[in-house]
Amino acid sequence: RPPTIAGLVVTPSSIMWLTGSFFVGGLISRFVPKRIAVVFIAVLLVGYGALAVAPAGFPVWAFYVFAAVNGTCMGIVISMNTVLTQHLVDPSMVGSATGIFTLGRSLGPTLMAGIYGAVLNVAIRVQLRGQQAVGAGVDFGQVNTVISSSGGAGSSVDRAVVDPILLNSFHALFGVVVVILVVALLINVFDPNKKVIR
């Protein structure tokens, strides 16, 4: 897909992130925060679990829907954690707690982008070794050509070999996300805090 389409796919996430954050006040005044987190993490787990096994014919419109759901869930959970960070600490520590939380929000995406990139590269290279072992003759440069904005147009890349490699690599990447979400879910399930925030 062209870069413009790829950019549009994530647009619903940004819009719904903002929209979801408006519901945080009402939710945390009625429900225990850990239950809110568990529900929305479970929704994300189902969504990313579906992406981890999605076939090659997965419809493009479904990515828009998932992006909107993902943005809503993340907007609620992240905004709720921002509020909790400031509410649950001693008033004298609000500045420090907010600073550490903001640092985590900044470092998290940076660190995970590197990890996700590494997972994707390793998954591609492992499959390329398997393809080369059976004489397919596809190299990493050809895979990069397909990933590029041109999508391999006008090249002699064997898409019948490269496309399954990319699909399996994306499955591996989403599998890592599923593992992280399972860990986050378990942490919240065993969170001892059972108070509604007033």
N, C-alpha and C. Protein backbone atom coordinates (compact mmCIF):
# COMPACT_ATOMS: atom_id res chain seq x y z
N ARG A 1 0.83 -1.20 0.00
CA ARG A 1 0.00 0.00 0.00
C ARG A 1 0.87 1.25 0.00
N PRO A 2 0.42 2.33 -0.64
CA PRO A 2 1.17 3.58 -0.63
C PRO A 2 1.27 4.15 0.79
N PRO A 3 2.30 4.95 1.07
CA PRO A 3 2.47 5.54 2.41
C PRO A 3 1.26 6.34 2.87
N THR A 4 0.57 6.99 1.93
CA THR A 4 -0.61 7.78 2.29
C THR A 4 -1.68 6.90 2.91
N ILE A 5 -1.91 5.74 2.30
CA ILE A 5 -2.91 4.81 2.83
C ILE A 5 -2.48 4.29 4.19
N ALA A 6 -1.19 3.99 4.33
CA ALA A 6 -0.68 3.51 5.62
C ALA A 6 -0.88 4.56 6.71
N GLY A 7 -0.67 5.82 6.34
CA GLY A 7 -0.88 6.90 7.30
C GLY A 7 -2.34 7.05 7.68
N LEU A 8 -3.22 6.89 6.70
CA LEU A 8 -4.65 7.01 6.97
C LEU A 8 -5.16 5.90 7.87
N VAL A 9 -4.54 4.73 7.77
CA VAL A 9 -4.99 3.60 8.59
C VAL A 9 -4.84 3.89 10.08
N VAL A 10 -3.78 4.62 10.46
CA VAL A 10 -3.56 4.90 11.88
C VAL A 10 -4.28 6.17 12.34
N THR A 11 -4.86 6.92 11.42
CA THR A 11 -5.57 8.15 11.80
C THR A 11 -6.72 7.91 12.78
N PRO A 12 -7.57 6.88 12.56
CA PRO A 12 -8.64 6.63 13.54
C PRO A 12 -8.12 6.40 14.95
N SER A 13 -6.93 5.82 15.06
CA SER A 13 -6.35 5.58 16.38
C SER A 13 -6.11 6.89 17.12
N SER A 14 -5.53 7.86 16.43
CA SER A 14 -5.25 9.16 17.06
C SER A 14 -6.53 9.88 17.44
N ILE A 15 -7.51 9.85 16.55
CA ILE A 15 -8.78 10.54 16.82
C ILE A 15 -9.50 9.89 18.00
N MET A 16 -9.55 8.57 18.01
CA MET A 16 -10.27 7.87 19.08
C MET A 16 -9.50 7.87 20.39
N TRP A 17 -8.17 8.03 20.33
CA TRP A 17 -7.38 8.18 21.56
C TRP A 17 -7.87 9.41 22.31
N LEU A 18 -8.00 10.52 21.60
CA LEU A 18 -8.48 11.76 22.19
C LEU A 18 -9.92 11.59 22.67
N THR A 19 -10.75 10.98 21.85
CA THR A 19 -12.16 10.78 22.21
C THR A 19 -12.29 9.90 23.45
N GLY A 20 -11.52 8.81 23.50
CA GLY A 20 -11.57 7.90 24.64
C GLY A 20 -11.18 8.57 25.94
N SER A 21 -10.25 9.51 25.87
CA SER A 21 -9.78 10.17 27.09
C SER A 21 -10.87 10.98 27.78
N PHE A 22 -11.89 11.41 27.01
CA PHE A 22 -12.98 12.18 27.60
C PHE A 22 -13.85 11.34 28.54
N PHE A 23 -13.79 10.02 28.40
CA PHE A 23 -14.63 9.14 29.22
C PHE A 23 -13.96 8.71 30.52
N VAL A 24 -12.70 9.07 30.69
CA VAL A 24 -11.94 8.58 31.84
C VAL A 24 -12.55 9.04 33.16
N GLY A 25 -12.89 10.32 33.28
CA GLY A 25 -13.44 10.84 34.54
C GLY A 25 -14.66 10.08 34.99
N GLY A 26 -15.60 9.87 34.07
CA GLY A 26 -16.81 9.14 34.42
C GLY A 26 -16.56 7.69 34.78
N LEU A 27 -15.62 7.07 34.07
CA LEU A 27 -15.32 5.65 34.33
C LEU A 27 -14.66 5.44 35.70
N ILE A 28 -13.64 6.24 36.00
CA ILE A 28 -12.92 6.00 37.26
C ILE A 28 -13.72 6.43 38.49
N SER A 29 -14.77 7.22 38.28
CA SER A 29 -15.61 7.59 39.42
C SER A 29 -16.66 6.53 39.71
N ARG A 30 -16.80 5.55 38.80
CA ARG A 30 -17.80 4.50 38.98
C ARG A 30 -17.20 3.10 39.12
N PHE A 31 -16.02 2.89 38.54
CA PHE A 31 -15.45 1.54 38.53
C PHE A 31 -14.03 1.55 39.10
N VAL A 32 -13.64 0.42 39.64
CA VAL A 32 -12.26 0.25 40.13
C VAL A 32 -11.32 0.33 38.93
N PRO A 33 -10.27 1.16 39.01
CA PRO A 33 -9.37 1.34 37.86
C PRO A 33 -8.81 0.05 37.27
N LYS A 34 -8.48 -0.91 38.13
CA LYS A 34 -7.90 -2.14 37.60
C LYS A 34 -8.90 -2.91 36.74
N ARG A 35 -10.18 -2.80 37.07
CA ARG A 35 -11.20 -3.48 36.26
C ARG A 35 -11.35 -2.80 34.91
N ILE A 36 -11.25 -1.48 34.90
CA ILE A 36 -11.29 -0.75 33.64
C ILE A 36 -10.13 -1.19 32.76
N ALA A 37 -8.94 -1.23 33.38
CA ALA A 37 -7.74 -1.63 32.62
C ALA A 37 -7.87 -3.05 32.10
N VAL A 38 -8.37 -3.96 32.93
CA VAL A 38 -8.50 -5.36 32.52
C VAL A 38 -9.43 -5.49 31.32
N VAL A 39 -10.55 -4.78 31.35
CA VAL A 39 -11.52 -4.86 30.24
C VAL A 39 -10.89 -4.38 28.94
N PHE A 40 -10.24 -3.21 28.98
CA PHE A 40 -9.72 -2.65 27.75
C PHE A 40 -8.46 -3.38 27.26
N ILE A 41 -7.66 -3.88 28.18
CA ILE A 41 -6.51 -4.69 27.77
C ILE A 41 -6.99 -6.00 27.15
N ALA A 42 -8.06 -6.56 27.70
CA ALA A 42 -8.62 -7.80 27.13
C ALA A 42 -9.14 -7.55 25.71
N VAL A 43 -9.76 -6.39 25.48
CA VAL A 43 -10.22 -6.04 24.13
C VAL A 43 -9.04 -5.94 23.18
N LEU A 44 -7.97 -5.28 23.63
CA LEU A 44 -6.76 -5.18 22.80
C LEU A 44 -6.16 -6.55 22.54
N LEU A 45 -6.19 -7.40 23.55
CA LEU A 45 -5.65 -8.76 23.42
C LEU A 45 -6.38 -9.54 22.33
N VAL A 46 -7.70 -9.41 22.31
CA VAL A 46 -8.49 -10.09 21.27
C VAL A 46 -8.13 -9.53 19.89
N GLY A 47 -8.04 -8.20 19.80
CA GLY A 47 -7.73 -7.57 18.52
C GLY A 47 -6.36 -7.95 17.99
N TYR A 48 -5.34 -7.84 18.84
CA TYR A 48 -3.99 -8.19 18.40
C TYR A 48 -3.84 -9.69 18.20
N GLY A 49 -4.60 -10.48 18.96
CA GLY A 49 -4.60 -11.92 18.73
C GLY A 49 -5.13 -12.25 17.35
N ALA A 50 -6.17 -11.51 16.92
CA ALA A 50 -6.72 -11.70 15.57
C ALA A 50 -5.69 -11.31 14.51
N LEU A 51 -4.97 -10.20 14.75
CA LEU A 51 -3.95 -9.78 13.78
C LEU A 51 -2.79 -10.78 13.72
N ALA A 52 -2.52 -11.45 14.84
CA ALA A 52 -1.42 -12.40 14.88
C ALA A 52 -1.68 -13.65 14.04
N VAL A 53 -2.94 -13.86 13.67
CA VAL A 53 -3.29 -15.03 12.84
C VAL A 53 -4.05 -14.62 11.58
N ALA A 54 -4.08 -13.31 11.30
CA ALA A 54 -4.85 -12.82 10.14
C ALA A 54 -4.29 -13.37 8.84
N PRO A 55 -5.16 -13.77 7.93
CA PRO A 55 -4.69 -14.30 6.63
C PRO A 55 -4.28 -13.17 5.70
N ALA A 56 -3.71 -13.53 4.58
CA ALA A 56 -3.24 -12.53 3.60
C ALA A 56 -4.40 -11.69 3.06
N GLY A 57 -5.58 -12.24 3.02
CA GLY A 57 -6.73 -11.52 2.48
C GLY A 57 -7.48 -10.68 3.50
N PHE A 58 -6.85 -10.39 4.64
CA PHE A 58 -7.49 -9.60 5.69
C PHE A 58 -7.91 -8.25 5.11
N PRO A 59 -9.20 -7.88 5.21
CA PRO A 59 -9.67 -6.66 4.54
C PRO A 59 -9.07 -5.38 5.12
N VAL A 60 -8.80 -4.43 4.24
CA VAL A 60 -8.19 -3.17 4.65
C VAL A 60 -9.10 -2.40 5.60
N TRP A 61 -10.42 -2.45 5.36
CA TRP A 61 -11.34 -1.69 6.22
C TRP A 61 -11.26 -2.17 7.67
N ALA A 62 -10.91 -3.44 7.88
CA ALA A 62 -10.82 -3.97 9.24
C ALA A 62 -9.67 -3.32 10.01
N PHE A 63 -8.63 -2.89 9.30
CA PHE A 63 -7.53 -2.19 9.96
C PHE A 63 -8.00 -0.83 10.49
N TYR A 64 -8.87 -0.17 9.74
CA TYR A 64 -9.42 1.11 10.20
C TYR A 64 -10.25 0.92 11.47
N VAL A 65 -11.06 -0.13 11.46
CA VAL A 65 -11.89 -0.43 12.63
C VAL A 65 -11.01 -0.75 13.83
N PHE A 66 -10.00 -1.62 13.60
CA PHE A 66 -9.13 -1.99 14.71
C PHE A 66 -8.34 -0.79 15.22
N ALA A 67 -7.90 0.09 14.30
CA ALA A 67 -7.16 1.29 14.72
C ALA A 67 -8.03 2.16 15.63
N ALA A 68 -9.32 2.28 15.30
CA ALA A 68 -10.23 3.07 16.13
C ALA A 68 -10.42 2.42 17.51
N VAL A 69 -10.59 1.11 17.53
CA VAL A 69 -10.74 0.39 18.81
C VAL A 69 -9.46 0.51 19.63
N ASN A 70 -8.32 0.33 18.98
CA ASN A 70 -7.03 0.43 19.65
C ASN A 70 -6.85 1.83 20.25
N GLY A 71 -7.18 2.86 19.49
CA GLY A 71 -7.04 4.23 19.98
C GLY A 71 -7.94 4.50 21.17
N THR A 72 -9.17 4.00 21.11
CA THR A 72 -10.11 4.19 22.22
C THR A 72 -9.58 3.54 23.49
N CYS A 73 -9.15 2.29 23.37
CA CYS A 73 -8.64 1.56 24.54
C CYS A 73 -7.39 2.23 25.12
N MET A 74 -6.46 2.58 24.25
CA MET A 74 -5.23 3.21 24.72
C MET A 74 -5.51 4.59 25.31
N GLY A 75 -6.42 5.34 24.69
CA GLY A 75 -6.76 6.66 25.21
C GLY A 75 -7.32 6.59 26.61
N ILE A 76 -8.17 5.60 26.85
CA ILE A 76 -8.76 5.45 28.18
C ILE A 76 -7.73 4.97 29.19
N VAL A 77 -6.99 3.93 28.85
CA VAL A 77 -6.04 3.35 29.80
C VAL A 77 -4.89 4.31 30.13
N ILE A 78 -4.30 4.92 29.11
CA ILE A 78 -3.17 5.83 29.34
C ILE A 78 -3.62 7.07 30.10
N SER A 79 -4.76 7.65 29.71
CA SER A 79 -5.26 8.84 30.40
C SER A 79 -5.63 8.51 31.84
N MET A 80 -6.21 7.33 32.06
CA MET A 80 -6.55 6.90 33.42
C MET A 80 -5.28 6.76 34.26
N ASN A 81 -4.24 6.19 33.68
CA ASN A 81 -2.99 6.03 34.43
C ASN A 81 -2.35 7.37 34.76
N THR A 82 -2.53 8.34 33.87
CA THR A 82 -2.02 9.69 34.15
C THR A 82 -2.71 10.27 35.38
N VAL A 83 -4.03 10.12 35.42
CA VAL A 83 -4.81 10.62 36.57
C VAL A 83 -4.41 9.87 37.84
N LEU A 84 -4.30 8.55 37.75
CA LEU A 84 -3.95 7.75 38.92
C LEU A 84 -2.56 8.09 39.45
N THR A 85 -1.64 8.37 38.55
CA THR A 85 -0.28 8.72 38.95
C THR A 85 -0.30 9.94 39.86
N GLN A 86 -1.15 10.90 39.55
CA GLN A 86 -1.22 12.12 40.33
C GLN A 86 -2.11 11.98 41.57
N HIS A 87 -3.07 11.07 41.51
CA HIS A 87 -4.03 10.92 42.61
C HIS A 87 -3.52 10.04 43.75
N LEU A 88 -2.77 9.00 43.42
CA LEU A 88 -2.41 7.99 44.41
C LEU A 88 -1.13 8.29 45.17
N VAL A 89 -0.41 9.33 44.80
CA VAL A 89 0.82 9.65 45.51
C VAL A 89 0.58 10.79 46.50
N ASP A 90 1.50 10.93 47.42
CA ASP A 90 1.46 12.05 48.36
C ASP A 90 1.51 13.36 47.57
N PRO A 91 0.74 14.36 47.97
CA PRO A 91 0.74 15.65 47.24
C PRO A 91 2.13 16.24 47.01
N SER A 92 3.05 15.98 47.93
CA SER A 92 4.40 16.52 47.77
C SER A 92 5.19 15.80 46.68
N MET A 93 4.69 14.64 46.24
CA MET A 93 5.39 13.84 45.24
C MET A 93 4.72 13.85 43.87
N VAL A 94 3.68 14.68 43.71
CA VAL A 94 2.94 14.70 42.45
C VAL A 94 3.86 15.06 41.28
N GLY A 95 4.70 16.06 41.47
CA GLY A 95 5.61 16.49 40.40
C GLY A 95 6.55 15.38 39.98
N SER A 96 7.15 14.71 40.96
CA SER A 96 8.08 13.62 40.67
C SER A 96 7.38 12.46 40.00
N ALA A 97 6.19 12.11 40.53
CA ALA A 97 5.44 10.98 39.97
C ALA A 97 5.04 11.27 38.52
N THR A 98 4.59 12.50 38.27
CA THR A 98 4.18 12.87 36.92
C THR A 98 5.38 12.86 35.97
N GLY A 99 6.52 13.34 36.47
CA GLY A 99 7.73 13.35 35.66
C GLY A 99 8.18 11.94 35.28
N ILE A 100 8.15 11.04 36.24
CA ILE A 100 8.56 9.66 35.97
C ILE A 100 7.57 9.00 35.00
N PHE A 101 6.27 9.27 35.18
CA PHE A 101 5.27 8.72 34.29
C PHE A 101 5.47 9.23 32.86
N THR A 102 5.74 10.53 32.74
CA THR A 102 5.98 11.12 31.42
C THR A 102 7.24 10.54 30.78
N LEU A 103 8.27 10.33 31.59
CA LEU A 103 9.50 9.71 31.09
C LEU A 103 9.20 8.32 30.54
N GLY A 104 8.40 7.57 31.28
CA GLY A 104 8.03 6.23 30.83
C GLY A 104 7.24 6.27 29.53
N ARG A 105 6.34 7.24 29.40
CA ARG A 105 5.55 7.37 28.17
C ARG A 105 6.43 7.76 26.99
N SER A 106 7.50 8.49 27.26
CA SER A 106 8.40 8.89 26.17
C SER A 106 9.35 7.76 25.78
N LEU A 107 9.91 7.10 26.79
CA LEU A 107 10.88 6.04 26.53
C LEU A 107 10.22 4.78 26.00
N GLY A 108 8.99 4.51 26.46
CA GLY A 108 8.30 3.28 26.07
C GLY A 108 8.19 3.09 24.56
N PRO A 109 7.58 4.05 23.86
CA PRO A 109 7.47 3.90 22.40
C PRO A 109 8.81 3.81 21.69
N THR A 110 9.79 4.57 22.19
CA THR A 110 11.12 4.55 21.57
C THR A 110 11.76 3.17 21.72
N LEU A 111 11.72 2.66 22.94
CA LEU A 111 12.29 1.34 23.21
C LEU A 111 11.57 0.25 22.44
N MET A 112 10.23 0.30 22.45
CA MET A 112 9.46 -0.75 21.80
C MET A 112 9.58 -0.69 20.28
N ALA A 113 9.76 0.52 19.72
CA ALA A 113 9.97 0.61 18.27
C ALA A 113 11.23 -0.16 17.88
N GLY A 114 12.28 -0.04 18.69
CA GLY A 114 13.51 -0.79 18.44
C GLY A 114 13.30 -2.28 18.58
N ILE A 115 12.58 -2.68 19.61
CA ILE A 115 12.32 -4.11 19.84
C ILE A 115 11.46 -4.70 18.72
N TYR A 116 10.41 -3.97 18.34
CA TYR A 116 9.55 -4.46 17.26
C TYR A 116 10.32 -4.55 15.94
N GLY A 117 11.17 -3.57 15.69
CA GLY A 117 11.99 -3.60 14.47
C GLY A 117 12.92 -4.80 14.47
N ALA A 118 13.51 -5.08 15.64
CA ALA A 118 14.42 -6.23 15.75
C ALA A 118 13.66 -7.54 15.53
N VAL A 119 12.48 -7.64 16.14
CA VAL A 119 11.67 -8.86 15.97
C VAL A 119 11.32 -9.07 14.50
N LEU A 120 10.91 -8.00 13.83
CA LEU A 120 10.54 -8.09 12.43
C LEU A 120 11.74 -8.52 11.58
N ASN A 121 12.89 -7.91 11.81
CA ASN A 121 14.10 -8.26 11.05
C ASN A 121 14.53 -9.70 11.28
N VAL A 122 14.50 -10.12 12.54
CA VAL A 122 14.90 -11.50 12.86
C VAL A 122 13.95 -12.49 12.21
N ALA A 123 12.65 -12.21 12.29
CA ALA A 123 11.66 -13.11 11.69
C ALA A 123 11.86 -13.22 10.18
N ILE A 124 12.14 -12.09 9.53
CA ILE A 124 12.37 -12.10 8.08
C ILE A 124 13.62 -12.90 7.74
N ARG A 125 14.70 -12.64 8.49
CA ARG A 125 15.98 -13.31 8.19
C ARG A 125 15.90 -14.81 8.44
N VAL A 126 15.20 -15.22 9.48
CA VAL A 126 15.05 -16.66 9.75
C VAL A 126 14.33 -17.34 8.59
N GLN A 127 13.29 -16.71 8.09
CA GLN A 127 12.55 -17.29 6.97
C GLN A 127 13.36 -17.26 5.67
N LEU A 128 14.15 -16.19 5.50
CA LEU A 128 14.99 -16.12 4.30
C LEU A 128 16.01 -17.25 4.28
N ARG A 129 16.57 -17.56 5.46
CA ARG A 129 17.51 -18.68 5.52
C ARG A 129 16.84 -19.97 5.09
N GLY A 130 15.59 -20.16 5.54
CA GLY A 130 14.84 -21.36 5.16
C GLY A 130 14.56 -21.39 3.66
N GLN A 131 14.23 -20.22 3.08
CA GLN A 131 13.97 -20.14 1.64
C GLN A 131 15.23 -20.41 0.84
N GLN A 132 16.34 -19.85 1.30
CA GLN A 132 17.62 -20.05 0.60
C GLN A 132 18.08 -21.50 0.68
N ALA A 133 17.70 -22.16 1.78
CA ALA A 133 18.08 -23.57 1.95
C ALA A 133 17.40 -24.46 0.91
N VAL A 134 16.22 -24.03 0.46
CA VAL A 134 15.52 -24.83 -0.55
C VAL A 134 15.70 -24.25 -1.95
N GLY A 135 16.62 -23.29 -2.07
CA GLY A 135 16.98 -22.75 -3.38
C GLY A 135 16.07 -21.68 -3.93
N ALA A 136 15.30 -20.98 -3.05
CA ALA A 136 14.39 -19.95 -3.54
C ALA A 136 15.15 -18.72 -4.03
N GLY A 137 16.31 -18.45 -3.45
CA GLY A 137 17.15 -17.36 -3.92
C GLY A 137 16.66 -15.96 -3.62
N VAL A 138 15.80 -15.78 -2.62
CA VAL A 138 15.32 -14.46 -2.24
C VAL A 138 16.24 -13.90 -1.16
N ASP A 139 16.62 -12.63 -1.30
CA ASP A 139 17.49 -12.03 -0.28
C ASP A 139 16.77 -10.88 0.43
N PHE A 140 17.44 -10.34 1.45
CA PHE A 140 16.84 -9.29 2.28
C PHE A 140 16.57 -8.02 1.47
N GLY A 141 17.43 -7.73 0.51
CA GLY A 141 17.23 -6.56 -0.34
C GLY A 141 15.93 -6.63 -1.12
N GLN A 142 15.58 -7.83 -1.58
CA GLN A 142 14.33 -7.99 -2.31
C GLN A 142 13.12 -7.79 -1.39
N VAL A 143 13.25 -8.25 -0.18
CA VAL A 143 12.17 -8.04 0.80
C VAL A 143 12.01 -6.54 1.06
N ASN A 144 13.13 -5.83 1.22
CA ASN A 144 13.08 -4.38 1.42
C ASN A 144 12.43 -3.68 0.24
N THR A 145 12.67 -4.18 -0.97
CA THR A 145 12.07 -3.58 -2.16
C THR A 145 10.55 -3.66 -2.09
N VAL A 146 10.04 -4.79 -1.61
CA VAL A 146 8.59 -4.97 -1.49
C VAL A 146 8.03 -4.07 -0.40
N ILE A 147 8.77 -3.90 0.70
CA ILE A 147 8.32 -3.07 1.81
C ILE A 147 8.34 -1.59 1.45
N SER A 148 9.22 -1.21 0.53
CA SER A 148 9.37 0.21 0.18
C SER A 148 8.07 0.81 -0.34
N SER A 149 8.05 2.14 -0.42
CA SER A 149 6.82 2.84 -0.83
C SER A 149 6.34 2.44 -2.22
N SER A 150 7.24 1.97 -3.07
CA SER A 150 6.83 1.55 -4.41
C SER A 150 6.18 0.17 -4.39
N GLY A 151 6.38 -0.56 -3.29
CA GLY A 151 5.79 -1.89 -3.18
C GLY A 151 6.38 -2.90 -4.13
N GLY A 152 7.59 -2.62 -4.62
CA GLY A 152 8.25 -3.55 -5.54
C GLY A 152 7.77 -3.43 -6.97
N ALA A 153 7.06 -2.33 -7.26
CA ALA A 153 6.55 -2.14 -8.63
C ALA A 153 7.71 -2.03 -9.61
N GLY A 154 7.62 -2.74 -10.71
CA GLY A 154 8.64 -2.70 -11.74
C GLY A 154 9.88 -3.51 -11.44
N SER A 155 9.88 -4.23 -10.33
CA SER A 155 11.05 -5.04 -9.99
C SER A 155 10.78 -6.50 -10.35
N SER A 156 11.82 -7.30 -10.24
CA SER A 156 11.68 -8.72 -10.58
C SER A 156 11.53 -9.59 -9.34
N VAL A 157 11.10 -8.97 -8.25
CA VAL A 157 10.94 -9.70 -6.99
C VAL A 157 9.81 -10.73 -7.11
N ASP A 158 10.07 -11.94 -6.61
CA ASP A 158 9.07 -13.00 -6.63
C ASP A 158 8.12 -12.79 -5.44
N ARG A 159 7.01 -12.13 -5.70
CA ARG A 159 6.06 -11.80 -4.62
C ARG A 159 5.44 -13.06 -4.01
N ALA A 160 5.36 -14.12 -4.78
CA ALA A 160 4.79 -15.36 -4.25
C ALA A 160 5.65 -15.93 -3.13
N VAL A 161 6.95 -15.60 -3.13
CA VAL A 161 7.85 -16.04 -2.07
C VAL A 161 7.93 -15.00 -0.96
N VAL A 162 8.03 -13.71 -1.35
CA VAL A 162 8.25 -12.64 -0.37
C VAL A 162 7.02 -12.35 0.48
N ASP A 163 5.84 -12.34 -0.13
CA ASP A 163 4.62 -11.98 0.62
C ASP A 163 4.36 -12.88 1.82
N PRO A 164 4.48 -14.23 1.68
CA PRO A 164 4.30 -15.08 2.86
C PRO A 164 5.35 -14.83 3.95
N ILE A 165 6.57 -14.48 3.53
CA ILE A 165 7.62 -14.17 4.50
C ILE A 165 7.22 -12.95 5.32
N LEU A 166 6.73 -11.91 4.63
CA LEU A 166 6.30 -10.70 5.33
C LEU A 166 5.10 -10.97 6.23
N LEU A 167 4.15 -11.74 5.73
CA LEU A 167 2.96 -12.04 6.52
C LEU A 167 3.34 -12.78 7.80
N ASN A 168 4.19 -13.80 7.69
CA ASN A 168 4.62 -14.55 8.87
C ASN A 168 5.41 -13.67 9.83
N SER A 169 6.18 -12.73 9.29
CA SER A 169 6.96 -11.82 10.14
C SER A 169 6.05 -10.89 10.91
N PHE A 170 5.00 -10.40 10.24
CA PHE A 170 4.03 -9.55 10.94
C PHE A 170 3.28 -10.35 12.00
N HIS A 171 3.00 -11.61 11.71
CA HIS A 171 2.36 -12.48 12.71
C HIS A 171 3.26 -12.61 13.94
N ALA A 172 4.56 -12.77 13.71
CA ALA A 172 5.50 -12.87 14.83
C ALA A 172 5.51 -11.58 15.64
N LEU A 173 5.48 -10.45 14.93
CA LEU A 173 5.48 -9.15 15.60
C LEU A 173 4.23 -8.98 16.46
N PHE A 174 3.08 -9.29 15.90
CA PHE A 174 1.84 -9.17 16.67
C PHE A 174 1.79 -10.20 17.79
N GLY A 175 2.47 -11.33 17.60
CA GLY A 175 2.58 -12.32 18.67
C GLY A 175 3.32 -11.75 19.87
N VAL A 176 4.36 -10.96 19.62
CA VAL A 176 5.09 -10.30 20.72
C VAL A 176 4.17 -9.33 21.45
N VAL A 177 3.36 -8.59 20.68
CA VAL A 177 2.41 -7.66 21.30
C VAL A 177 1.42 -8.42 22.18
N VAL A 178 0.97 -9.58 21.71
CA VAL A 178 0.04 -10.40 22.49
C VAL A 178 0.67 -10.82 23.81
N VAL A 179 1.93 -11.22 23.77
CA VAL A 179 2.63 -11.62 25.00
C VAL A 179 2.70 -10.44 25.98
N ILE A 180 3.04 -9.26 25.48
CA ILE A 180 3.13 -8.07 26.33
C ILE A 180 1.76 -7.76 26.93
N LEU A 181 0.71 -7.88 26.14
CA LEU A 181 -0.64 -7.62 26.65
C LEU A 181 -1.06 -8.63 27.70
N VAL A 182 -0.66 -9.89 27.52
CA VAL A 182 -0.96 -10.92 28.53
C VAL A 182 -0.29 -10.55 29.85
N VAL A 183 0.97 -10.12 29.79
CA VAL A 183 1.68 -9.71 31.00
C VAL A 183 0.98 -8.52 31.65
N ALA A 184 0.59 -7.52 30.84
CA ALA A 184 -0.12 -6.35 31.37
C ALA A 184 -1.45 -6.75 32.00
N LEU A 185 -2.13 -7.69 31.37
CA LEU A 185 -3.42 -8.16 31.90
C LEU A 185 -3.23 -8.82 33.26
N LEU A 186 -2.23 -9.67 33.36
CA LEU A 186 -1.97 -10.37 34.63
C LEU A 186 -1.58 -9.40 35.74
N ILE A 187 -0.76 -8.40 35.40
CA ILE A 187 -0.36 -7.40 36.39
C ILE A 187 -1.60 -6.68 36.94
N ASN A 188 -2.52 -6.34 36.05
CA ASN A 188 -3.73 -5.64 36.49
C ASN A 188 -4.69 -6.55 37.24
N VAL A 189 -4.77 -7.79 36.83
CA VAL A 189 -5.65 -8.74 37.53
C VAL A 189 -5.22 -8.89 38.98
N PHE A 190 -3.91 -8.93 39.22
CA PHE A 190 -3.40 -9.12 40.58
C PHE A 190 -3.09 -7.82 41.30
N ASP A 191 -3.50 -6.70 40.74
CA ASP A 191 -3.34 -5.40 41.40
C ASP A 191 -4.20 -5.39 42.67
N PRO A 192 -3.62 -5.13 43.85
CA PRO A 192 -4.38 -5.18 45.09
C PRO A 192 -5.33 -4.00 45.28
N ASN A 193 -5.17 -2.94 44.52
CA ASN A 193 -5.99 -1.74 44.70
C ASN A 193 -7.42 -2.01 44.23
N LYS A 194 -8.38 -1.91 45.14
CA LYS A 194 -9.78 -2.19 44.80
C LYS A 194 -10.69 -1.02 45.09
N LYS A 195 -10.11 0.19 45.14
CA LYS A 195 -10.88 1.37 45.48
C LYS A 195 -11.29 2.15 44.24
N VAL A 196 -12.50 2.68 44.28
CA VAL A 196 -12.96 3.58 43.22
C VAL A 196 -12.39 4.96 43.52
N ILE A 197 -11.90 5.64 42.50
CA ILE A 197 -11.33 6.96 42.68
C ILE A 197 -12.44 8.00 42.74
N ARG A 198 -12.49 8.74 43.83
CA ARG A 198 -13.52 9.79 44.01
C ARG A 198 -12.91 11.16 43.83
